[in-house]
Amino acid sequence: MNQTVATTIIPCPRYRDASPPPIWLIGALGFEKCPVHLAPHNTVMHAELTFGSGMIKLGSVPGQGGSSPYSALCL
């Protein structure tokens, strides 16, 4: 018997500074802002944006400079 199972994938991109991306995603694509948790200096530590039943989570890369393991991966 074939069963269909719904699978949800939640992308979690990291940005050098995640402050502008949530605003752009909300204004341009229609995402809705859920909890946004700020780190010192008003840097976005963690944000959740929803679009219908989908979600994207994003945040800023911890620390500055090339010492972070995320440095090469961030947008």
PDB file of N, CA and C in Angstrom:
ATOM      1  N   MET A   1       0.851  -1.170   0.000  1.00  0.00           N
ATOM      2  CA  MET A   1       0.000   0.000   0.000  1.00  0.00           C
ATOM      3  C   MET A   1       0.904   1.242   0.000  1.00  0.00           C
ATOM      4  N   ASN A   2       0.570   2.243  -0.833  1.00  0.00           N
ATOM      5  CA  ASN A   2       1.309   3.503  -0.907  1.00  0.00           C
ATOM      6  C   ASN A   2       0.806   4.472   0.154  1.00  0.00           C
ATOM      7  N   GLN A   3       1.708   5.022   0.913  1.00  0.00           N
ATOM      8  CA  GLN A   3       1.344   6.036   1.900  1.00  0.00           C
ATOM      9  C   GLN A   3       2.113   7.300   1.585  1.00  0.00           C
ATOM     10  N   THR A   4       1.434   8.421   1.668  1.00  0.00           N
ATOM     11  CA  THR A   4       2.079   9.706   1.452  1.00  0.00           C
ATOM     12  C   THR A   4       2.375  10.320   2.806  1.00  0.00           C
ATOM     13  N   VAL A   5       3.626  10.666   3.010  1.00  0.00           N
ATOM     14  CA  VAL A   5       4.035  11.281   4.265  1.00  0.00           C
ATOM     15  C   VAL A   5       4.525  12.694   3.957  1.00  0.00           C
ATOM     16  N   ALA A   6       3.957  13.667   4.619  1.00  0.00           N
ATOM     17  CA  ALA A   6       4.381  15.055   4.423  1.00  0.00           C
ATOM     18  C   ALA A   6       5.707  15.282   5.142  1.00  0.00           C
ATOM     19  N   THR A   7       6.641  15.859   4.429  1.00  0.00           N
ATOM     20  CA  THR A   7       7.944  16.160   4.997  1.00  0.00           C
ATOM     21  C   THR A   7       8.177  17.659   4.915  1.00  0.00           C
ATOM     22  N   THR A   8       8.658  18.231   5.971  1.00  0.00           N
ATOM     23  CA  THR A   8       8.924  19.652   5.998  1.00  0.00           C
ATOM     24  C   THR A   8      10.419  19.890   6.115  1.00  0.00           C
ATOM     25  N   ILE A   9      10.929  20.720   5.233  1.00  0.00           N
ATOM     26  CA  ILE A   9      12.328  21.129   5.294  1.00  0.00           C
ATOM     27  C   ILE A   9      12.336  22.618   5.598  1.00  0.00           C
ATOM     28  N   ILE A  10      13.053  22.998   6.626  1.00  0.00           N
ATOM     29  CA  ILE A  10      13.127  24.406   7.010  1.00  0.00           C
ATOM     30  C   ILE A  10      14.541  24.909   6.753  1.00  0.00           C
ATOM     31  N   PRO A  11      14.738  25.726   5.699  1.00  0.00           N
ATOM     32  CA  PRO A  11      16.073  26.264   5.440  1.00  0.00           C
ATOM     33  C   PRO A  11      16.477  27.257   6.520  1.00  0.00           C
ATOM     34  N   CYS A  12      17.760  27.275   6.845  1.00  0.00           N
ATOM     35  CA  CYS A  12      18.278  28.153   7.900  1.00  0.00           C
ATOM     36  C   CYS A  12      19.550  28.863   7.416  1.00  0.00           C
ATOM     37  N   PRO A  13      19.420  29.824   6.493  1.00  0.00           N
ATOM     38  CA  PRO A  13      20.622  30.516   6.017  1.00  0.00           C
ATOM     39  C   PRO A  13      21.224  31.419   7.076  1.00  0.00           C
ATOM     40  N   ARG A  14      22.514  31.637   6.979  1.00  0.00           N
ATOM     41  CA  ARG A  14      23.243  32.564   7.854  1.00  0.00           C
ATOM     42  C   ARG A  14      23.726  33.735   7.011  1.00  0.00           C
ATOM     43  N   TYR A  15      23.645  34.924   7.561  1.00  0.00           N
ATOM     44  CA  TYR A  15      24.089  36.142   6.897  1.00  0.00           C
ATOM     45  C   TYR A  15      25.166  36.807   7.738  1.00  0.00           C
ATOM     46  N   ARG A  16      26.030  37.571   7.089  1.00  0.00           N
ATOM     47  CA  ARG A  16      27.010  38.354   7.851  1.00  0.00           C
ATOM     48  C   ARG A  16      26.273  39.320   8.777  1.00  0.00           C
ATOM     49  N   ASP A  17      25.189  39.900   8.271  1.00  0.00           N
ATOM     50  CA  ASP A  17      24.315  40.753   9.073  1.00  0.00           C
ATOM     51  C   ASP A  17      22.890  40.420   8.658  1.00  0.00           C
ATOM     52  N   ALA A  18      22.158  39.760   9.506  1.00  0.00           N
ATOM     53  CA  ALA A  18      20.810  39.282   9.150  1.00  0.00           C
ATOM     54  C   ALA A  18      19.735  40.349   9.312  1.00  0.00           C
ATOM     55  N   SER A  19      20.101  41.586   9.620  1.00  0.00           N
ATOM     56  CA  SER A  19      19.089  42.623   9.797  1.00  0.00           C
ATOM     57  C   SER A  19      18.351  42.961   8.504  1.00  0.00           C
ATOM     58  N   PRO A  20      19.044  43.207   7.371  1.00  0.00           N
ATOM     59  CA  PRO A  20      18.300  43.530   6.144  1.00  0.00           C
ATOM     60  C   PRO A  20      17.503  42.369   5.541  1.00  0.00           C
ATOM     61  N   PRO A  21      17.995  41.115   5.524  1.00  0.00           N
ATOM     62  CA  PRO A  21      17.229  40.055   4.851  1.00  0.00           C
ATOM     63  C   PRO A  21      15.795  39.870   5.332  1.00  0.00           C
ATOM     64  N   PRO A  22      15.519  39.884   6.642  1.00  0.00           N
ATOM     65  CA  PRO A  22      14.114  39.706   7.024  1.00  0.00           C
ATOM     66  C   PRO A  22      13.223  40.799   6.458  1.00  0.00           C
ATOM     67  N   ILE A  23      13.709  42.039   6.438  1.00  0.00           N
ATOM     68  CA  ILE A  23      12.903  43.147   5.916  1.00  0.00           C
ATOM     69  C   ILE A  23      12.646  42.940   4.431  1.00  0.00           C
ATOM     70  N   TRP A  24      13.676  42.546   3.684  1.00  0.00           N
ATOM     71  CA  TRP A  24      13.532  42.325   2.253  1.00  0.00           C
ATOM     72  C   TRP A  24      12.580  41.160   1.976  1.00  0.00           C
ATOM     73  N   LEU A  25      12.729  40.055   2.690  1.00  0.00           N
ATOM     74  CA  LEU A  25      11.871  38.897   2.467  1.00  0.00           C
ATOM     75  C   LEU A  25      10.411  39.210   2.791  1.00  0.00           C
ATOM     76  N   ILE A  26      10.190  40.035   3.803  1.00  0.00           N
ATOM     77  CA  ILE A  26       8.824  40.411   4.185  1.00  0.00           C
ATOM     78  C   ILE A  26       8.216  41.317   3.117  1.00  0.00           C
ATOM     79  N   GLY A  27       8.959  42.352   2.723  1.00  0.00           N
ATOM     80  CA  GLY A  27       8.421  43.321   1.766  1.00  0.00           C
ATOM     81  C   GLY A  27       8.305  42.795   0.353  1.00  0.00           C
ATOM     82  N   ALA A  28       9.311  42.091  -0.120  1.00  0.00           N
ATOM     83  CA  ALA A  28       9.342  41.667  -1.524  1.00  0.00           C
ATOM     84  C   ALA A  28       8.584  40.368  -1.782  1.00  0.00           C
ATOM     85  N   LEU A  29       8.645  39.442  -0.854  1.00  0.00           N
ATOM     86  CA  LEU A  29       8.081  38.119  -1.109  1.00  0.00           C
ATOM     87  C   LEU A  29       6.852  37.788  -0.272  1.00  0.00           C
ATOM     88  N   GLY A  30       6.512  38.627   0.690  1.00  0.00           N
ATOM     89  CA  GLY A  30       5.304  38.398   1.461  1.00  0.00           C
ATOM     90  C   GLY A  30       5.437  37.485   2.662  1.00  0.00           C
ATOM     91  N   PHE A  31       6.659  37.245   3.129  1.00  0.00           N
ATOM     92  CA  PHE A  31       6.842  36.464   4.357  1.00  0.00           C
ATOM     93  C   PHE A  31       6.263  37.236   5.538  1.00  0.00           C
ATOM     94  N   GLU A  32       5.872  36.533   6.574  1.00  0.00           N
ATOM     95  CA  GLU A  32       5.399  37.161   7.807  1.00  0.00           C
ATOM     96  C   GLU A  32       6.431  36.935   8.893  1.00  0.00           C
ATOM     97  N   LYS A  33       6.699  37.990   9.659  1.00  0.00           N
ATOM     98  CA  LYS A  33       7.710  37.926  10.713  1.00  0.00           C
ATOM     99  C   LYS A  33       7.125  37.273  11.952  1.00  0.00           C
ATOM    100  N   CYS A  34       7.841  36.274  12.456  1.00  0.00           N
ATOM    101  CA  CYS A  34       7.517  35.627  13.725  1.00  0.00           C
ATOM    102  C   CYS A  34       8.555  36.105  14.732  1.00  0.00           C
ATOM    103  N   PRO A  35       8.886  35.335  15.729  1.00  0.00           N
ATOM    104  CA  PRO A  35       9.853  35.814  16.708  1.00  0.00           C
ATOM    105  C   PRO A  35      11.183  36.211  16.079  1.00  0.00           C
ATOM    106  N   VAL A  36      11.695  37.365  16.509  1.00  0.00           N
ATOM    107  CA  VAL A  36      13.037  37.824  16.123  1.00  0.00           C
ATOM    108  C   VAL A  36      13.785  38.069  17.420  1.00  0.00           C
ATOM    109  N   HIS A  37      14.912  37.391  17.601  1.00  0.00           N
ATOM    110  CA  HIS A  37      15.711  37.516  18.812  1.00  0.00           C
ATOM    111  C   HIS A  37      16.985  38.270  18.472  1.00  0.00           C
ATOM    112  N   LEU A  38      17.196  39.389  19.164  1.00  0.00           N
ATOM    113  CA  LEU A  38      18.345  40.231  18.880  1.00  0.00           C
ATOM    114  C   LEU A  38      19.504  39.938  19.811  1.00  0.00           C
ATOM    115  N   ALA A  39      20.706  40.040  19.266  1.00  0.00           N
ATOM    116  CA  ALA A  39      21.955  39.933  20.029  1.00  0.00           C
ATOM    117  C   ALA A  39      22.404  41.364  20.336  1.00  0.00           C
ATOM    118  N   PRO A  40      23.511  41.542  21.065  1.00  0.00           N
ATOM    119  CA  PRO A  40      24.015  42.889  21.298  1.00  0.00           C
ATOM    120  C   PRO A  40      24.212  43.641  19.988  1.00  0.00           C
ATOM    121  N   HIS A  41      24.086  44.959  20.048  1.00  0.00           N
ATOM    122  CA  HIS A  41      24.241  45.857  18.898  1.00  0.00           C
ATOM    123  C   HIS A  41      23.131  45.646  17.868  1.00  0.00           C
ATOM    124  N   ASN A  42      21.962  45.148  18.304  1.00  0.00           N
ATOM    125  CA  ASN A  42      20.790  44.931  17.450  1.00  0.00           C
ATOM    126  C   ASN A  42      21.059  44.031  16.248  1.00  0.00           C
ATOM    127  N   THR A  43      21.952  43.083  16.393  1.00  0.00           N
ATOM    128  CA  THR A  43      22.193  42.089  15.362  1.00  0.00           C
ATOM    129  C   THR A  43      21.154  40.985  15.518  1.00  0.00           C
ATOM    130  N   VAL A  44      20.607  40.520  14.419  1.00  0.00           N
ATOM    131  CA  VAL A  44      19.622  39.441  14.477  1.00  0.00           C
ATOM    132  C   VAL A  44      20.338  38.136  14.790  1.00  0.00           C
ATOM    133  N   MET A  45      20.066  37.602  15.971  1.00  0.00           N
ATOM    134  CA  MET A  45      20.654  36.328  16.379  1.00  0.00           C
ATOM    135  C   MET A  45      19.863  35.175  15.751  1.00  0.00           C
ATOM    136  N   HIS A  46      18.533  35.307  15.767  1.00  0.00           N
ATOM    137  CA  HIS A  46      17.656  34.254  15.243  1.00  0.00           C
ATOM    138  C   HIS A  46      16.326  34.897  14.854  1.00  0.00           C
ATOM    139  N   ALA A  47      15.852  34.603  13.660  1.00  0.00           N
ATOM    140  CA  ALA A  47      14.555  35.104  13.213  1.00  0.00           C
ATOM    141  C   ALA A  47      13.810  33.977  12.516  1.00  0.00           C
ATOM    142  N   GLU A  48      12.504  33.997  12.660  1.00  0.00           N
ATOM    143  CA  GLU A  48      11.652  33.029  11.972  1.00  0.00           C
ATOM    144  C   GLU A  48      10.686  33.804  11.092  1.00  0.00           C
ATOM    145  N   LEU A  49      10.607  33.406   9.821  1.00  0.00           N
ATOM    146  CA  LEU A  49       9.674  34.014   8.885  1.00  0.00           C
ATOM    147  C   LEU A  49       8.805  32.909   8.313  1.00  0.00           C
ATOM    148  N   THR A  50       7.512  33.169   8.201  1.00  0.00           N
ATOM    149  CA  THR A  50       6.605  32.161   7.655  1.00  0.00           C
ATOM    150  C   THR A  50       6.017  32.635   6.334  1.00  0.00           C
ATOM    151  N   PHE A  51       5.668  31.667   5.515  1.00  0.00           N
ATOM    152  CA  PHE A  51       4.989  31.922   4.247  1.00  0.00           C
ATOM    153  C   PHE A  51       4.008  30.784   4.057  1.00  0.00           C
ATOM    154  N   GLY A  52       2.747  31.060   4.287  1.00  0.00           N
ATOM    155  CA  GLY A  52       1.750  29.991   4.276  1.00  0.00           C
ATOM    156  C   GLY A  52       2.073  28.986   5.364  1.00  0.00           C
ATOM    157  N   SER A  53       2.214  27.715   4.999  1.00  0.00           N
ATOM    158  CA  SER A  53       2.553  26.698   5.991  1.00  0.00           C
ATOM    159  C   SER A  53       4.062  26.453   6.064  1.00  0.00           C
ATOM    160  N   GLY A  54       4.838  27.211   5.269  1.00  0.00           N
ATOM    161  CA  GLY A  54       6.292  27.052   5.273  1.00  0.00           C
ATOM    162  C   GLY A  54       6.974  28.037   6.202  1.00  0.00           C
ATOM    163  N   MET A  55       8.232  27.777   6.472  1.00  0.00           N
ATOM    164  CA  MET A  55       8.997  28.623   7.375  1.00  0.00           C
ATOM    165  C   MET A  55      10.449  28.658   6.933  1.00  0.00           C
ATOM    166  N   ILE A  56      11.098  29.776   7.199  1.00  0.00           N
ATOM    167  CA  ILE A  56      12.537  29.909   7.026  1.00  0.00           C
ATOM    168  C   ILE A  56      13.077  30.506   8.320  1.00  0.00           C
ATOM    169  N   LYS A  57      14.204  29.991   8.776  1.00  0.00           N
ATOM    170  CA  LYS A  57      14.856  30.521   9.972  1.00  0.00           C
ATOM    171  C   LYS A  57      16.180  31.091   9.523  1.00  0.00           C
ATOM    172  N   LEU A  58      16.558  32.233  10.052  1.00  0.00           N
ATOM    173  CA  LEU A  58      17.829  32.824   9.666  1.00  0.00           C
ATOM    174  C   LEU A  58      18.464  33.529  10.841  1.00  0.00           C
ATOM    175  N   GLY A  59      19.736  33.826  10.687  1.00  0.00           N
ATOM    176  CA  GLY A  59      20.462  34.513  11.738  1.00  0.00           C
ATOM    177  C   GLY A  59      21.780  35.046  11.221  1.00  0.00           C
ATOM    178  N   SER A  60      22.425  35.832  12.060  1.00  0.00           N
ATOM    179  CA  SER A  60      23.729  36.385  11.729  1.00  0.00           C
ATOM    180  C   SER A  60      24.814  35.394  12.125  1.00  0.00           C
ATOM    181  N   VAL A  61      25.921  35.462  11.416  1.00  0.00           N
ATOM    182  CA  VAL A  61      27.068  34.622  11.733  1.00  0.00           C
ATOM    183  C   VAL A  61      27.647  35.110  13.053  1.00  0.00           C
ATOM    184  N   PRO A  62      27.869  34.219  14.027  1.00  0.00           N
ATOM    185  CA  PRO A  62      28.447  34.658  15.298  1.00  0.00           C
ATOM    186  C   PRO A  62      29.876  35.149  15.105  1.00  0.00           C
ATOM    187  N   GLY A  63      30.202  36.251  15.739  1.00  0.00           N
ATOM    188  CA  GLY A  63      31.562  36.788  15.640  1.00  0.00           C
ATOM    189  C   GLY A  63      31.805  37.479  14.326  1.00  0.00           C
ATOM    190  N   GLN A  64      32.908  38.146  14.207  1.00  0.00           N
ATOM    191  CA  GLN A  64      33.273  38.861  12.995  1.00  0.00           C
ATOM    192  C   GLN A  64      34.589  38.333  12.467  1.00  0.00           C
ATOM    193  N   GLY A  65      34.818  38.549  11.193  1.00  0.00           N
ATOM    194  CA  GLY A  65      36.087  38.171  10.603  1.00  0.00           C
ATOM    195  C   GLY A  65      36.100  36.725  10.153  1.00  0.00           C
ATOM    196  N   GLY A  66      37.262  36.256   9.752  1.00  0.00           N
ATOM    197  CA  GLY A  66      37.408  34.929   9.186  1.00  0.00           C
ATOM    198  C   GLY A  66      37.587  33.828  10.196  1.00  0.00           C
ATOM    199  N   SER A  67      37.494  34.115  11.480  1.00  0.00           N
ATOM    200  CA  SER A  67      37.737  33.081  12.483  1.00  0.00           C
ATOM    201  C   SER A  67      36.519  32.174  12.705  1.00  0.00           C
ATOM    202  N   SER A  68      35.358  32.578  12.235  1.00  0.00           N
ATOM    203  CA  SER A  68      34.163  31.780  12.433  1.00  0.00           C
ATOM    204  C   SER A  68      34.104  30.639  11.416  1.00  0.00           C
ATOM    205  N   PRO A  69      33.685  29.444  11.837  1.00  0.00           N
ATOM    206  CA  PRO A  69      33.550  28.344  10.883  1.00  0.00           C
ATOM    207  C   PRO A  69      32.479  28.627   9.837  1.00  0.00           C
ATOM    208  N   TYR A  70      31.595  29.582  10.094  1.00  0.00           N
ATOM    209  CA  TYR A  70      30.532  29.943   9.160  1.00  0.00           C
ATOM    210  C   TYR A  70      30.987  30.964   8.126  1.00  0.00           C
ATOM    211  N   SER A  71      32.173  31.554   8.284  1.00  0.00           N
ATOM    212  CA  SER A  71      32.592  32.661   7.442  1.00  0.00           C
ATOM    213  C   SER A  71      32.490  32.357   5.950  1.00  0.00           C
ATOM    214  N   ALA A  72      32.910  31.196   5.535  1.00  0.00           N
ATOM    215  CA  ALA A  72      32.895  30.857   4.117  1.00  0.00           C
ATOM    216  C   ALA A  72      31.506  30.518   3.613  1.00  0.00           C
ATOM    217  N   LEU A  73      30.555  30.263   4.504  1.00  0.00           N
ATOM    218  CA  LEU A  73      29.229  29.807   4.103  1.00  0.00           C
ATOM    219  C   LEU A  73      28.178  30.897   4.132  1.00  0.00           C
ATOM    220  N   CYS A  74      28.458  32.025   4.744  1.00  0.00           N
ATOM    221  CA  CYS A  74      27.415  33.015   4.941  1.00  0.00           C
ATOM    222  C   CYS A  74      27.196  33.846   3.695  1.00  0.00           C
ATOM    223  N   LEU A  75      25.980  34.400   3.576  1.00  0.00           N
ATOM    224  CA  LEU A  75      25.580  35.198   2.420  1.00  0.00           C
ATOM    225  C   LEU A  75      25.874  36.649   2.636  1.00  0.00           C
TER     226      LEU A  75
END
